[in-house]
Amino acid sequence: MIKALVRALGWGGFITLAFFVALSLLARTPGPQGRWAHNVLLGLDFFANAVMAGDPGESISSRLGKWQTMGGWRGVIADGLCPALSLIMIERDHCRVSIDRSVGARGVLP
């Protein structure tokens, strides 16, 4: 399975995926290490969403969850990315569960 992932993602993609999975697992542990990992993941999440013309106060998961409900080209993108996020976050239907209707208005491309 690892060989298939490396072939599909390349070494850089595989290492990046492994890093995020490790951070996700660490974020679930009690204590300062878990809080640190959670904070790092949250910061990267909000930063990446802002870079992709989204609301800087919204997570990528929330934005993609909204896209899934919209359909169209955004729904296609969300349907492709959300299974990977669910795997990384170890949560079924992670994007739909993460929808936050109170944010998103400040995005350039909502």
PDB file of N, CA and C in Angstrom:
ATOM      1  N   MET A   1       0.813  -1.187   0.000  1.00  0.00           N
ATOM      2  CA  MET A   1       0.000   0.000   0.000  1.00  0.00           C
ATOM      3  C   MET A   1       0.864   1.262   0.000  1.00  0.00           C
ATOM      4  N   ILE A   2       1.956   1.229   0.757  1.00  0.00           N
ATOM      5  CA  ILE A   2       2.839   2.393   0.802  1.00  0.00           C
ATOM      6  C   ILE A   2       3.449   2.646  -0.567  1.00  0.00           C
ATOM      7  N   LYS A   3       3.854   1.581  -1.253  1.00  0.00           N
ATOM      8  CA  LYS A   3       4.420   1.748  -2.596  1.00  0.00           C
ATOM      9  C   LYS A   3       3.406   2.384  -3.532  1.00  0.00           C
ATOM     10  N   ALA A   4       2.131   1.986  -3.426  1.00  0.00           N
ATOM     11  CA  ALA A   4       1.079   2.555  -4.274  1.00  0.00           C
ATOM     12  C   ALA A   4       0.880   4.037  -3.961  1.00  0.00           C
ATOM     13  N   LEU A   5       0.924   4.393  -2.682  1.00  0.00           N
ATOM     14  CA  LEU A   5       0.791   5.807  -2.310  1.00  0.00           C
ATOM     15  C   LEU A   5       1.962   6.626  -2.825  1.00  0.00           C
ATOM     16  N   VAL A   6       3.166   6.093  -2.704  1.00  0.00           N
ATOM     17  CA  VAL A   6       4.347   6.809  -3.196  1.00  0.00           C
ATOM     18  C   VAL A   6       4.262   6.981  -4.711  1.00  0.00           C
ATOM     19  N   ARG A   7       3.820   5.932  -5.414  1.00  0.00           N
ATOM     20  CA  ARG A   7       3.659   6.049  -6.873  1.00  0.00           C
ATOM     21  C   ARG A   7       2.627   7.107  -7.219  1.00  0.00           C
ATOM     22  N   ALA A   8       1.530   7.153  -6.484  1.00  0.00           N
ATOM     23  CA  ALA A   8       0.451   8.084  -6.779  1.00  0.00           C
ATOM     24  C   ALA A   8       0.802   9.524  -6.387  1.00  0.00           C
ATOM     25  N   LEU A   9       1.451   9.691  -5.237  1.00  0.00           N
ATOM     26  CA  LEU A   9       1.701  11.028  -4.710  1.00  0.00           C
ATOM     27  C   LEU A   9       3.120  11.526  -4.932  1.00  0.00           C
ATOM     28  N   GLY A  10       4.035  10.629  -5.225  1.00  0.00           N
ATOM     29  CA  GLY A  10       5.447  10.981  -5.233  1.00  0.00           C
ATOM     30  C   GLY A  10       5.935  11.014  -3.791  1.00  0.00           C
ATOM     31  N   TRP A  11       7.242  11.059  -3.620  1.00  0.00           N
ATOM     32  CA  TRP A  11       7.788  11.053  -2.266  1.00  0.00           C
ATOM     33  C   TRP A  11       7.382  12.289  -1.485  1.00  0.00           C
ATOM     34  N   GLY A  12       7.391  13.450  -2.133  1.00  0.00           N
ATOM     35  CA  GLY A  12       7.018  14.688  -1.442  1.00  0.00           C
ATOM     36  C   GLY A  12       5.587  14.652  -0.949  1.00  0.00           C
ATOM     37  N   GLY A  13       4.677  14.195  -1.794  1.00  0.00           N
ATOM     38  CA  GLY A  13       3.276  14.096  -1.411  1.00  0.00           C
ATOM     39  C   GLY A  13       3.064  13.076  -0.304  1.00  0.00           C
ATOM     40  N   PHE A  14       3.769  11.959  -0.408  1.00  0.00           N
ATOM     41  CA  PHE A  14       3.646  10.919   0.616  1.00  0.00           C
ATOM     42  C   PHE A  14       4.145  11.421   1.967  1.00  0.00           C
ATOM     43  N   ILE A  15       5.282  12.105   1.979  1.00  0.00           N
ATOM     44  CA  ILE A  15       5.837  12.623   3.227  1.00  0.00           C
ATOM     45  C   ILE A  15       4.917  13.693   3.818  1.00  0.00           C
ATOM     46  N   THR A  16       4.357  14.544   2.963  1.00  0.00           N
ATOM     47  CA  THR A  16       3.416  15.561   3.420  1.00  0.00           C
ATOM     48  C   THR A  16       2.189  14.916   4.042  1.00  0.00           C
ATOM     49  N   LEU A  17       1.635  13.910   3.372  1.00  0.00           N
ATOM     50  CA  LEU A  17       0.468  13.199   3.902  1.00  0.00           C
ATOM     51  C   LEU A  17       0.809  12.545   5.241  1.00  0.00           C
ATOM     52  N   ALA A  18       1.964  11.900   5.333  1.00  0.00           N
ATOM     53  CA  ALA A  18       2.375  11.250   6.573  1.00  0.00           C
ATOM     54  C   ALA A  18       2.534  12.276   7.701  1.00  0.00           C
ATOM     55  N   PHE A  19       3.068  13.450   7.376  1.00  0.00           N
ATOM     56  CA  PHE A  19       3.228  14.516   8.360  1.00  0.00           C
ATOM     57  C   PHE A  19       1.868  14.937   8.918  1.00  0.00           C
ATOM     58  N   PHE A  20       0.896  15.159   8.037  1.00  0.00           N
ATOM     59  CA  PHE A  20      -0.424  15.590   8.494  1.00  0.00           C
ATOM     60  C   PHE A  20      -1.152  14.496   9.266  1.00  0.00           C
ATOM     61  N   VAL A  21      -0.979  13.261   8.868  1.00  0.00           N
ATOM     62  CA  VAL A  21      -1.583  12.161   9.621  1.00  0.00           C
ATOM     63  C   VAL A  21      -0.951  12.081  11.010  1.00  0.00           C
ATOM     64  N   ALA A  22       0.367  12.200  11.086  1.00  0.00           N
ATOM     65  CA  ALA A  22       1.050  12.158  12.384  1.00  0.00           C
ATOM     66  C   ALA A  22       0.612  13.319  13.272  1.00  0.00           C
ATOM     67  N   LEU A  23       0.500  14.519  12.705  1.00  0.00           N
ATOM     68  CA  LEU A  23       0.029  15.667  13.481  1.00  0.00           C
ATOM     69  C   LEU A  23      -1.398  15.447  13.966  1.00  0.00           C
ATOM     70  N   SER A  24      -2.233  14.889  13.089  1.00  0.00           N
ATOM     71  CA  SER A  24      -3.627  14.620  13.454  1.00  0.00           C
ATOM     72  C   SER A  24      -3.707  13.630  14.617  1.00  0.00           C
ATOM     73  N   LEU A  25      -2.899  12.594  14.564  1.00  0.00           N
ATOM     74  CA  LEU A  25      -2.879  11.614  15.661  1.00  0.00           C
ATOM     75  C   LEU A  25      -2.349  12.247  16.952  1.00  0.00           C
ATOM     76  N   LEU A  26      -1.295  13.042  16.827  1.00  0.00           N
ATOM     77  CA  LEU A  26      -0.726  13.702  18.000  1.00  0.00           C
ATOM     78  C   LEU A  26      -1.721  14.691  18.604  1.00  0.00           C
ATOM     79  N   ALA A  27      -2.509  15.361  17.751  1.00  0.00           N
ATOM     80  CA  ALA A  27      -3.483  16.342  18.235  1.00  0.00           C
ATOM     81  C   ALA A  27      -4.562  15.695  19.096  1.00  0.00           C
ATOM     82  N   ARG A  28      -4.725  14.392  18.987  1.00  0.00           N
ATOM     83  CA  ARG A  28      -5.742  13.680  19.768  1.00  0.00           C
ATOM     84  C   ARG A  28      -5.221  13.217  21.134  1.00  0.00           C
ATOM     85  N   THR A  29      -3.955  13.477  21.415  1.00  0.00           N
ATOM     86  CA  THR A  29      -3.392  13.058  22.699  1.00  0.00           C
ATOM     87  C   THR A  29      -3.550  14.178  23.715  1.00  0.00           C
ATOM     88  N   PRO A  30      -3.740  13.821  24.990  1.00  0.00           N
ATOM     89  CA  PRO A  30      -3.872  14.856  26.022  1.00  0.00           C
ATOM     90  C   PRO A  30      -2.523  15.499  26.311  1.00  0.00           C
ATOM     91  N   GLY A  31      -2.572  16.674  26.864  1.00  0.00           N
ATOM     92  CA  GLY A  31      -1.348  17.341  27.288  1.00  0.00           C
ATOM     93  C   GLY A  31      -0.869  18.389  26.302  1.00  0.00           C
ATOM     94  N   PRO A  32       0.265  18.994  26.618  1.00  0.00           N
ATOM     95  CA  PRO A  32       0.767  20.106  25.806  1.00  0.00           C
ATOM     96  C   PRO A  32       1.128  19.712  24.372  1.00  0.00           C
ATOM     97  N   GLN A  33       1.624  18.486  24.160  1.00  0.00           N
ATOM     98  CA  GLN A  33       1.970  18.072  22.794  1.00  0.00           C
ATOM     99  C   GLN A  33       0.727  18.000  21.924  1.00  0.00           C
ATOM    100  N   GLY A  34      -0.354  17.489  22.472  1.00  0.00           N
ATOM    101  CA  GLY A  34      -1.600  17.404  21.729  1.00  0.00           C
ATOM    102  C   GLY A  34      -2.172  18.773  21.408  1.00  0.00           C
ATOM    103  N   ARG A  35      -2.117  19.682  22.387  1.00  0.00           N
ATOM    104  CA  ARG A  35      -2.597  21.053  22.140  1.00  0.00           C
ATOM    105  C   ARG A  35      -1.739  21.741  21.095  1.00  0.00           C
ATOM    106  N   TRP A  36      -0.414  21.532  21.159  1.00  0.00           N
ATOM    107  CA  TRP A  36       0.487  22.124  20.174  1.00  0.00           C
ATOM    108  C   TRP A  36       0.143  21.631  18.771  1.00  0.00           C
ATOM    109  N   ALA A  37      -0.008  20.320  18.609  1.00  0.00           N
ATOM    110  CA  ALA A  37      -0.317  19.760  17.290  1.00  0.00           C
ATOM    111  C   ALA A  37      -1.656  20.274  16.781  1.00  0.00           C
ATOM    112  N   HIS A  38      -2.638  20.358  17.663  1.00  0.00           N
ATOM    113  CA  HIS A  38      -3.949  20.885  17.266  1.00  0.00           C
ATOM    114  C   HIS A  38      -3.831  22.333  16.807  1.00  0.00           C
ATOM    115  N   ASN A  39      -3.086  23.152  17.542  1.00  0.00           N
ATOM    116  CA  ASN A  39      -2.899  24.556  17.176  1.00  0.00           C
ATOM    117  C   ASN A  39      -2.178  24.702  15.842  1.00  0.00           C
ATOM    118  N   VAL A  40      -1.172  23.869  15.611  1.00  0.00           N
ATOM    119  CA  VAL A  40      -0.434  23.915  14.343  1.00  0.00           C
ATOM    120  C   VAL A  40      -1.364  23.561  13.183  1.00  0.00           C
ATOM    121  N   LEU A  41      -2.133  22.484  13.339  1.00  0.00           N
ATOM    122  CA  LEU A  41      -3.071  22.090  12.287  1.00  0.00           C
ATOM    123  C   LEU A  41      -4.101  23.183  12.027  1.00  0.00           C
ATOM    124  N   LEU A  42      -4.621  23.780  13.076  1.00  0.00           N
ATOM    125  CA  LEU A  42      -5.617  24.828  12.921  1.00  0.00           C
ATOM    126  C   LEU A  42      -5.023  26.048  12.211  1.00  0.00           C
ATOM    127  N   GLY A  43      -3.821  26.434  12.602  1.00  0.00           N
ATOM    128  CA  GLY A  43      -3.163  27.570  11.956  1.00  0.00           C
ATOM    129  C   GLY A  43      -2.898  27.323  10.479  1.00  0.00           C
ATOM    130  N   LEU A  44      -2.413  26.131  10.151  1.00  0.00           N
ATOM    131  CA  LEU A  44      -2.170  25.792   8.746  1.00  0.00           C
ATOM    132  C   LEU A  44      -3.468  25.767   7.948  1.00  0.00           C
ATOM    133  N   ASP A  45      -4.509  25.270   8.571  1.00  0.00           N
ATOM    134  CA  ASP A  45      -5.819  25.173   7.931  1.00  0.00           C
ATOM    135  C   ASP A  45      -6.357  26.557   7.561  1.00  0.00           C
ATOM    136  N   PHE A  46      -6.387  27.474   8.521  1.00  0.00           N
ATOM    137  CA  PHE A  46      -6.907  28.815   8.272  1.00  0.00           C
ATOM    138  C   PHE A  46      -6.022  29.571   7.289  1.00  0.00           C
ATOM    139  N   PHE A  47      -4.715  29.418   7.419  1.00  0.00           N
ATOM    140  CA  PHE A  47      -3.780  30.070   6.495  1.00  0.00           C
ATOM    141  C   PHE A  47      -3.997  29.590   5.067  1.00  0.00           C
ATOM    142  N   ALA A  48      -4.086  28.285   4.883  1.00  0.00           N
ATOM    143  CA  ALA A  48      -4.278  27.732   3.540  1.00  0.00           C
ATOM    144  C   ALA A  48      -5.595  28.199   2.943  1.00  0.00           C
ATOM    145  N   ASN A  49      -6.639  28.279   3.742  1.00  0.00           N
ATOM    146  CA  ASN A  49      -7.923  28.748   3.234  1.00  0.00           C
ATOM    147  C   ASN A  49      -7.830  30.208   2.791  1.00  0.00           C
ATOM    148  N   ALA A  50      -7.134  31.041   3.556  1.00  0.00           N
ATOM    149  CA  ALA A  50      -6.963  32.440   3.172  1.00  0.00           C
ATOM    150  C   ALA A  50      -6.141  32.560   1.888  1.00  0.00           C
ATOM    151  N   VAL A  51      -5.098  31.751   1.751  1.00  0.00           N
ATOM    152  CA  VAL A  51      -4.274  31.765   0.536  1.00  0.00           C
ATOM    153  C   VAL A  51      -5.117  31.397  -0.690  1.00  0.00           C
ATOM    154  N   MET A  52      -6.084  30.507  -0.493  1.00  0.00           N
ATOM    155  CA  MET A  52      -6.942  30.066  -1.598  1.00  0.00           C
ATOM    156  C   MET A  52      -8.181  30.955  -1.735  1.00  0.00           C
ATOM    157  N   ALA A  53      -8.047  32.227  -1.344  1.00  0.00           N
ATOM    158  CA  ALA A  53      -9.074  33.265  -1.515  1.00  0.00           C
ATOM    159  C   ALA A  53     -10.323  33.015  -0.680  1.00  0.00           C
ATOM    160  N   GLY A  54     -10.181  32.282   0.413  1.00  0.00           N
ATOM    161  CA  GLY A  54     -11.304  32.058   1.315  1.00  0.00           C
ATOM    162  C   GLY A  54     -11.255  32.991   2.506  1.00  0.00           C
ATOM    163  N   ASP A  55     -12.267  32.921   3.335  1.00  0.00           N
ATOM    164  CA  ASP A  55     -12.346  33.708   4.557  1.00  0.00           C
ATOM    165  C   ASP A  55     -11.222  33.259   5.500  1.00  0.00           C
ATOM    166  N   PRO A  56     -10.386  34.194   5.989  1.00  0.00           N
ATOM    167  CA  PRO A  56      -9.285  33.799   6.868  1.00  0.00           C
ATOM    168  C   PRO A  56      -9.752  33.256   8.215  1.00  0.00           C
ATOM    169  N   GLY A  57     -11.015  33.406   8.535  1.00  0.00           N
ATOM    170  CA  GLY A  57     -11.548  32.884   9.783  1.00  0.00           C
ATOM    171  C   GLY A  57     -12.295  31.575   9.612  1.00  0.00           C
ATOM    172  N   GLU A  58     -12.188  30.967   8.432  1.00  0.00           N
ATOM    173  CA  GLU A  58     -12.904  29.719   8.157  1.00  0.00           C
ATOM    174  C   GLU A  58     -11.916  28.618   7.820  1.00  0.00           C
ATOM    175  N   SER A  59     -12.231  27.423   8.259  1.00  0.00           N
ATOM    176  CA  SER A  59     -11.367  26.288   7.945  1.00  0.00           C
ATOM    177  C   SER A  59     -11.657  25.792   6.522  1.00  0.00           C
ATOM    178  N   ILE A  60     -10.678  25.135   5.943  1.00  0.00           N
ATOM    179  CA  ILE A  60     -10.867  24.536   4.624  1.00  0.00           C
ATOM    180  C   ILE A  60     -11.994  23.508   4.673  1.00  0.00           C
ATOM    181  N   SER A  61     -12.059  22.769   5.764  1.00  0.00           N
ATOM    182  CA  SER A  61     -13.089  21.740   5.894  1.00  0.00           C
ATOM    183  C   SER A  61     -14.488  22.342   5.853  1.00  0.00           C
ATOM    184  N   SER A  62     -14.680  23.450   6.550  1.00  0.00           N
ATOM    185  CA  SER A  62     -15.977  24.116   6.545  1.00  0.00           C
ATOM    186  C   SER A  62     -16.316  24.615   5.141  1.00  0.00           C
ATOM    187  N   ARG A  63     -15.346  25.219   4.510  1.00  0.00           N
ATOM    188  CA  ARG A  63     -15.560  25.745   3.153  1.00  0.00           C
ATOM    189  C   ARG A  63     -15.898  24.624   2.174  1.00  0.00           C
ATOM    190  N   LEU A  64     -15.146  23.525   2.227  1.00  0.00           N
ATOM    191  CA  LEU A  64     -15.418  22.403   1.332  1.00  0.00           C
ATOM    192  C   LEU A  64     -16.756  21.742   1.651  1.00  0.00           C
ATOM    193  N   GLY A  65     -17.119  21.703   2.936  1.00  0.00           N
ATOM    194  CA  GLY A  65     -18.422  21.167   3.307  1.00  0.00           C
ATOM    195  C   GLY A  65     -19.544  21.977   2.687  1.00  0.00           C
ATOM    196  N   LYS A  66     -19.394  23.290   2.694  1.00  0.00           N
ATOM    197  CA  LYS A  66     -20.387  24.158   2.045  1.00  0.00           C
ATOM    198  C   LYS A  66     -20.409  23.911   0.539  1.00  0.00           C
ATOM    199  N   TRP A  67     -19.222  23.732  -0.048  1.00  0.00           N
ATOM    200  CA  TRP A  67     -19.146  23.465  -1.487  1.00  0.00           C
ATOM    201  C   TRP A  67     -19.853  22.168  -1.841  1.00  0.00           C
ATOM    202  N   GLN A  68     -19.752  21.155  -0.966  1.00  0.00           N
ATOM    203  CA  GLN A  68     -20.427  19.884  -1.234  1.00  0.00           C
ATOM    204  C   GLN A  68     -21.931  20.087  -1.344  1.00  0.00           C
ATOM    205  N   THR A  69     -22.475  20.967  -0.536  1.00  0.00           N
ATOM    206  CA  THR A  69     -23.922  21.194  -0.570  1.00  0.00           C
ATOM    207  C   THR A  69     -24.339  22.043  -1.761  1.00  0.00           C
ATOM    208  N   MET A  70     -23.396  22.796  -2.350  1.00  0.00           N
ATOM    209  CA  MET A  70     -23.703  23.682  -3.473  1.00  0.00           C
ATOM    210  C   MET A  70     -23.785  22.935  -4.806  1.00  0.00           C
ATOM    211  N   GLY A  71     -22.998  21.891  -4.940  1.00  0.00           N
ATOM    212  CA  GLY A  71     -22.934  21.189  -6.215  1.00  0.00           C
ATOM    213  C   GLY A  71     -22.095  21.968  -7.223  1.00  0.00           C
ATOM    214  N   GLY A  72     -22.288  21.712  -8.498  1.00  0.00           N
ATOM    215  CA  GLY A  72     -21.522  22.376  -9.553  1.00  0.00           C
ATOM    216  C   GLY A  72     -20.049  22.025  -9.492  1.00  0.00           C
ATOM    217  N   TRP A  73     -19.215  22.896 -10.084  1.00  0.00           N
ATOM    218  CA  TRP A  73     -17.778  22.628 -10.124  1.00  0.00           C
ATOM    219  C   TRP A  73     -17.177  22.618  -8.728  1.00  0.00           C
ATOM    220  N   ARG A  74     -17.719  23.433  -7.832  1.00  0.00           N
ATOM    221  CA  ARG A  74     -17.207  23.441  -6.459  1.00  0.00           C
ATOM    222  C   ARG A  74     -17.520  22.121  -5.756  1.00  0.00           C
ATOM    223  N   GLY A  75     -18.700  21.597  -6.009  1.00  0.00           N
ATOM    224  CA  GLY A  75     -19.076  20.310  -5.424  1.00  0.00           C
ATOM    225  C   GLY A  75     -18.184  19.186  -5.898  1.00  0.00           C
ATOM    226  N   VAL A  76     -17.790  19.236  -7.183  1.00  0.00           N
ATOM    227  CA  VAL A  76     -16.897  18.214  -7.737  1.00  0.00           C
ATOM    228  C   VAL A  76     -15.541  18.274  -7.039  1.00  0.00           C
ATOM    229  N   ILE A  77     -15.025  19.490  -6.857  1.00  0.00           N
ATOM    230  CA  ILE A  77     -13.741  19.659  -6.162  1.00  0.00           C
ATOM    231  C   ILE A  77     -13.846  19.143  -4.727  1.00  0.00           C
ATOM    232  N   ALA A  78     -14.917  19.544  -4.039  1.00  0.00           N
ATOM    233  CA  ALA A  78     -15.104  19.118  -2.649  1.00  0.00           C
ATOM    234  C   ALA A  78     -15.253  17.602  -2.549  1.00  0.00           C
ATOM    235  N   ASP A  79     -16.007  17.017  -3.469  1.00  0.00           N
ATOM    236  CA  ASP A  79     -16.188  15.562  -3.437  1.00  0.00           C
ATOM    237  C   ASP A  79     -14.879  14.824  -3.667  1.00  0.00           C
ATOM    238  N   GLY A  80     -13.929  15.457  -4.359  1.00  0.00           N
ATOM    239  CA  GLY A  80     -12.624  14.844  -4.565  1.00  0.00           C
ATOM    240  C   GLY A  80     -11.697  14.989  -3.366  1.00  0.00           C
ATOM    241  N   LEU A  81     -11.801  16.118  -2.644  1.00  0.00           N
ATOM    242  CA  LEU A  81     -10.877  16.395  -1.545  1.00  0.00           C
ATOM    243  C   LEU A  81     -11.368  15.924  -0.182  1.00  0.00           C
ATOM    244  N   CYS A  82     -12.661  15.935   0.026  1.00  0.00           N
ATOM    245  CA  CYS A  82     -13.196  15.622   1.365  1.00  0.00           C
ATOM    246  C   CYS A  82     -12.900  14.202   1.849  1.00  0.00           C
ATOM    247  N   PRO A  83     -12.905  13.183   0.989  1.00  0.00           N
ATOM    248  CA  PRO A  83     -12.531  11.858   1.501  1.00  0.00           C
ATOM    249  C   PRO A  83     -11.103  11.829   2.071  1.00  0.00           C
ATOM    250  N   ALA A  84     -10.182  12.553   1.439  1.00  0.00           N
ATOM    251  CA  ALA A  84      -8.809  12.601   1.955  1.00  0.00           C
ATOM    252  C   ALA A  84      -8.766  13.316   3.302  1.00  0.00           C
ATOM    253  N   LEU A  85      -9.529  14.406   3.428  1.00  0.00           N
ATOM    254  CA  LEU A  85      -9.572  15.109   4.715  1.00  0.00           C
ATOM    255  C   LEU A  85     -10.202  14.233   5.798  1.00  0.00           C
ATOM    256  N   SER A  86     -11.221  13.475   5.437  1.00  0.00           N
ATOM    257  CA  SER A  86     -11.836  12.565   6.412  1.00  0.00           C
ATOM    258  C   SER A  86     -10.834  11.519   6.871  1.00  0.00           C
ATOM    259  N   LEU A  87     -10.004  11.053   5.944  1.00  0.00           N
ATOM    260  CA  LEU A  87      -8.973  10.076   6.290  1.00  0.00           C
ATOM    261  C   LEU A  87      -7.929  10.696   7.211  1.00  0.00           C
ATOM    262  N   ILE A  88      -7.463  11.874   6.868  1.00  0.00           N
ATOM    263  CA  ILE A  88      -6.441  12.549   7.676  1.00  0.00           C
ATOM    264  C   ILE A  88      -6.978  12.895   9.060  1.00  0.00           C
ATOM    265  N   MET A  89      -8.201  13.390   9.119  1.00  0.00           N
ATOM    266  CA  MET A  89      -8.769  13.819  10.395  1.00  0.00           C
ATOM    267  C   MET A  89      -9.409  12.668  11.173  1.00  0.00           C
ATOM    268  N   ILE A  90      -9.453  11.497  10.540  1.00  0.00           N
ATOM    269  CA  ILE A  90     -10.005  10.306  11.173  1.00  0.00           C
ATOM    270  C   ILE A  90     -11.430  10.589  11.678  1.00  0.00           C
ATOM    271  N   GLU A  91     -12.243  11.121  10.771  1.00  0.00           N
ATOM    272  CA  GLU A  91     -13.618  11.470  11.102  1.00  0.00           C
ATOM    273  C   GLU A  91     -14.479  11.271   9.859  1.00  0.00           C
ATOM    274  N   ARG A  92     -15.530  10.520  10.006  1.00  0.00           N
ATOM    275  CA  ARG A  92     -16.435  10.267   8.880  1.00  0.00           C
ATOM    276  C   ARG A  92     -17.153  11.564   8.497  1.00  0.00           C
ATOM    277  N   ASP A  93     -17.257  11.826   7.190  1.00  0.00           N
ATOM    278  CA  ASP A  93     -17.913  13.034   6.667  1.00  0.00           C
ATOM    279  C   ASP A  93     -17.362  14.300   7.317  1.00  0.00           C
ATOM    280  N   HIS A  94     -16.046  14.375   7.433  1.00  0.00           N
ATOM    281  CA  HIS A  94     -15.394  15.478   8.142  1.00  0.00           C
ATOM    282  C   HIS A  94     -15.830  16.843   7.616  1.00  0.00           C
ATOM    283  N   CYS A  95     -15.906  17.024   6.307  1.00  0.00           N
ATOM    284  CA  CYS A  95     -16.240  18.337   5.755  1.00  0.00           C
ATOM    285  C   CYS A  95     -17.654  18.761   6.134  1.00  0.00           C
ATOM    286  N   ARG A  96     -18.595  17.865   5.995  1.00  0.00           N
ATOM    287  CA  ARG A  96     -19.991  18.209   6.341  1.00  0.00           C
ATOM    288  C   ARG A  96     -20.150  18.471   7.831  1.00  0.00           C
ATOM    289  N   VAL A  97     -19.440  17.727   8.662  1.00  0.00           N
ATOM    290  CA  VAL A  97     -19.498  17.924  10.108  1.00  0.00           C
ATOM    291  C   VAL A  97     -18.873  19.267  10.484  1.00  0.00           C
ATOM    292  N   SER A  98     -17.909  19.740   9.692  1.00  0.00           N
ATOM    293  CA  SER A  98     -17.150  20.952  10.009  1.00  0.00           C
ATOM    294  C   SER A  98     -17.797  22.243   9.524  1.00  0.00           C
ATOM    295  N   ILE A  99     -18.914  22.171   8.839  1.00  0.00           N
ATOM    296  CA  ILE A  99     -19.542  23.385   8.303  1.00  0.00           C
ATOM    297  C   ILE A  99     -19.856  24.359   9.437  1.00  0.00           C
ATOM    298  N   ASP A 100     -19.403  25.602   9.252  1.00  0.00           N
ATOM    299  CA  ASP A 100     -19.677  26.683  10.199  1.00  0.00           C
ATOM    300  C   ASP A 100     -20.338  27.810   9.417  1.00  0.00           C
ATOM    301  N   ARG A 101     -21.627  27.956   9.566  1.00  0.00           N
ATOM    302  CA  ARG A 101     -22.396  28.963   8.808  1.00  0.00           C
ATOM    303  C   ARG A 101     -22.127  30.391   9.287  1.00  0.00           C
ATOM    304  N   SER A 102     -21.471  30.551  10.430  1.00  0.00           N
ATOM    305  CA  SER A 102     -21.234  31.901  10.957  1.00  0.00           C
ATOM    306  C   SER A 102     -20.011  32.576  10.326  1.00  0.00           C
ATOM    307  N   VAL A 103     -19.243  31.840   9.515  1.00  0.00           N
ATOM    308  CA  VAL A 103     -18.069  32.429   8.854  1.00  0.00           C
ATOM    309  C   VAL A 103     -18.150  32.142   7.354  1.00  0.00           C
ATOM    310  N   GLY A 104     -17.312  32.858   6.623  1.00  0.00           N
ATOM    311  CA  GLY A 104     -17.232  32.625   5.187  1.00  0.00           C
ATOM    312  C   GLY A 104     -17.529  33.865   4.358  1.00  0.00           C
ATOM    313  N   ALA A 105     -18.118  34.874   4.962  1.00  0.00           N
ATOM    314  CA  ALA A 105     -18.522  36.069   4.212  1.00  0.00           C
ATOM    315  C   ALA A 105     -17.344  36.910   3.737  1.00  0.00           C
ATOM    316  N   ARG A 106     -16.186  36.794   4.400  1.00  0.00           N
ATOM    317  CA  ARG A 106     -15.034  37.634   4.029  1.00  0.00           C
ATOM    318  C   ARG A 106     -14.177  37.019   2.922  1.00  0.00           C
ATOM    319  N   GLY A 107     -14.574  35.875   2.405  1.00  0.00           N
ATOM    320  CA  GLY A 107     -13.791  35.241   1.361  1.00  0.00           C
ATOM    321  C   GLY A 107     -13.919  35.952   0.016  1.00  0.00           C
ATOM    322  N   VAL A 108     -12.844  35.992  -0.736  1.00  0.00           N
ATOM    323  CA  VAL A 108     -12.858  36.565  -2.075  1.00  0.00           C
ATOM    324  C   VAL A 108     -13.595  35.621  -3.019  1.00  0.00           C
ATOM    325  N   LEU A 109     -13.359  34.320  -2.859  1.00  0.00           N
ATOM    326  CA  LEU A 109     -14.044  33.288  -3.631  1.00  0.00           C
ATOM    327  C   LEU A 109     -14.696  32.350  -2.619  1.00  0.00           C
ATOM    328  N   PRO A 110     -15.923  32.688  -2.192  1.00  0.00           N
ATOM    329  CA  PRO A 110     -16.563  31.871  -1.141  1.00  0.00           C
ATOM    330  C   PRO A 110     -16.798  30.442  -1.536  1.00  0.00           C
TER     331      PRO A 110
END
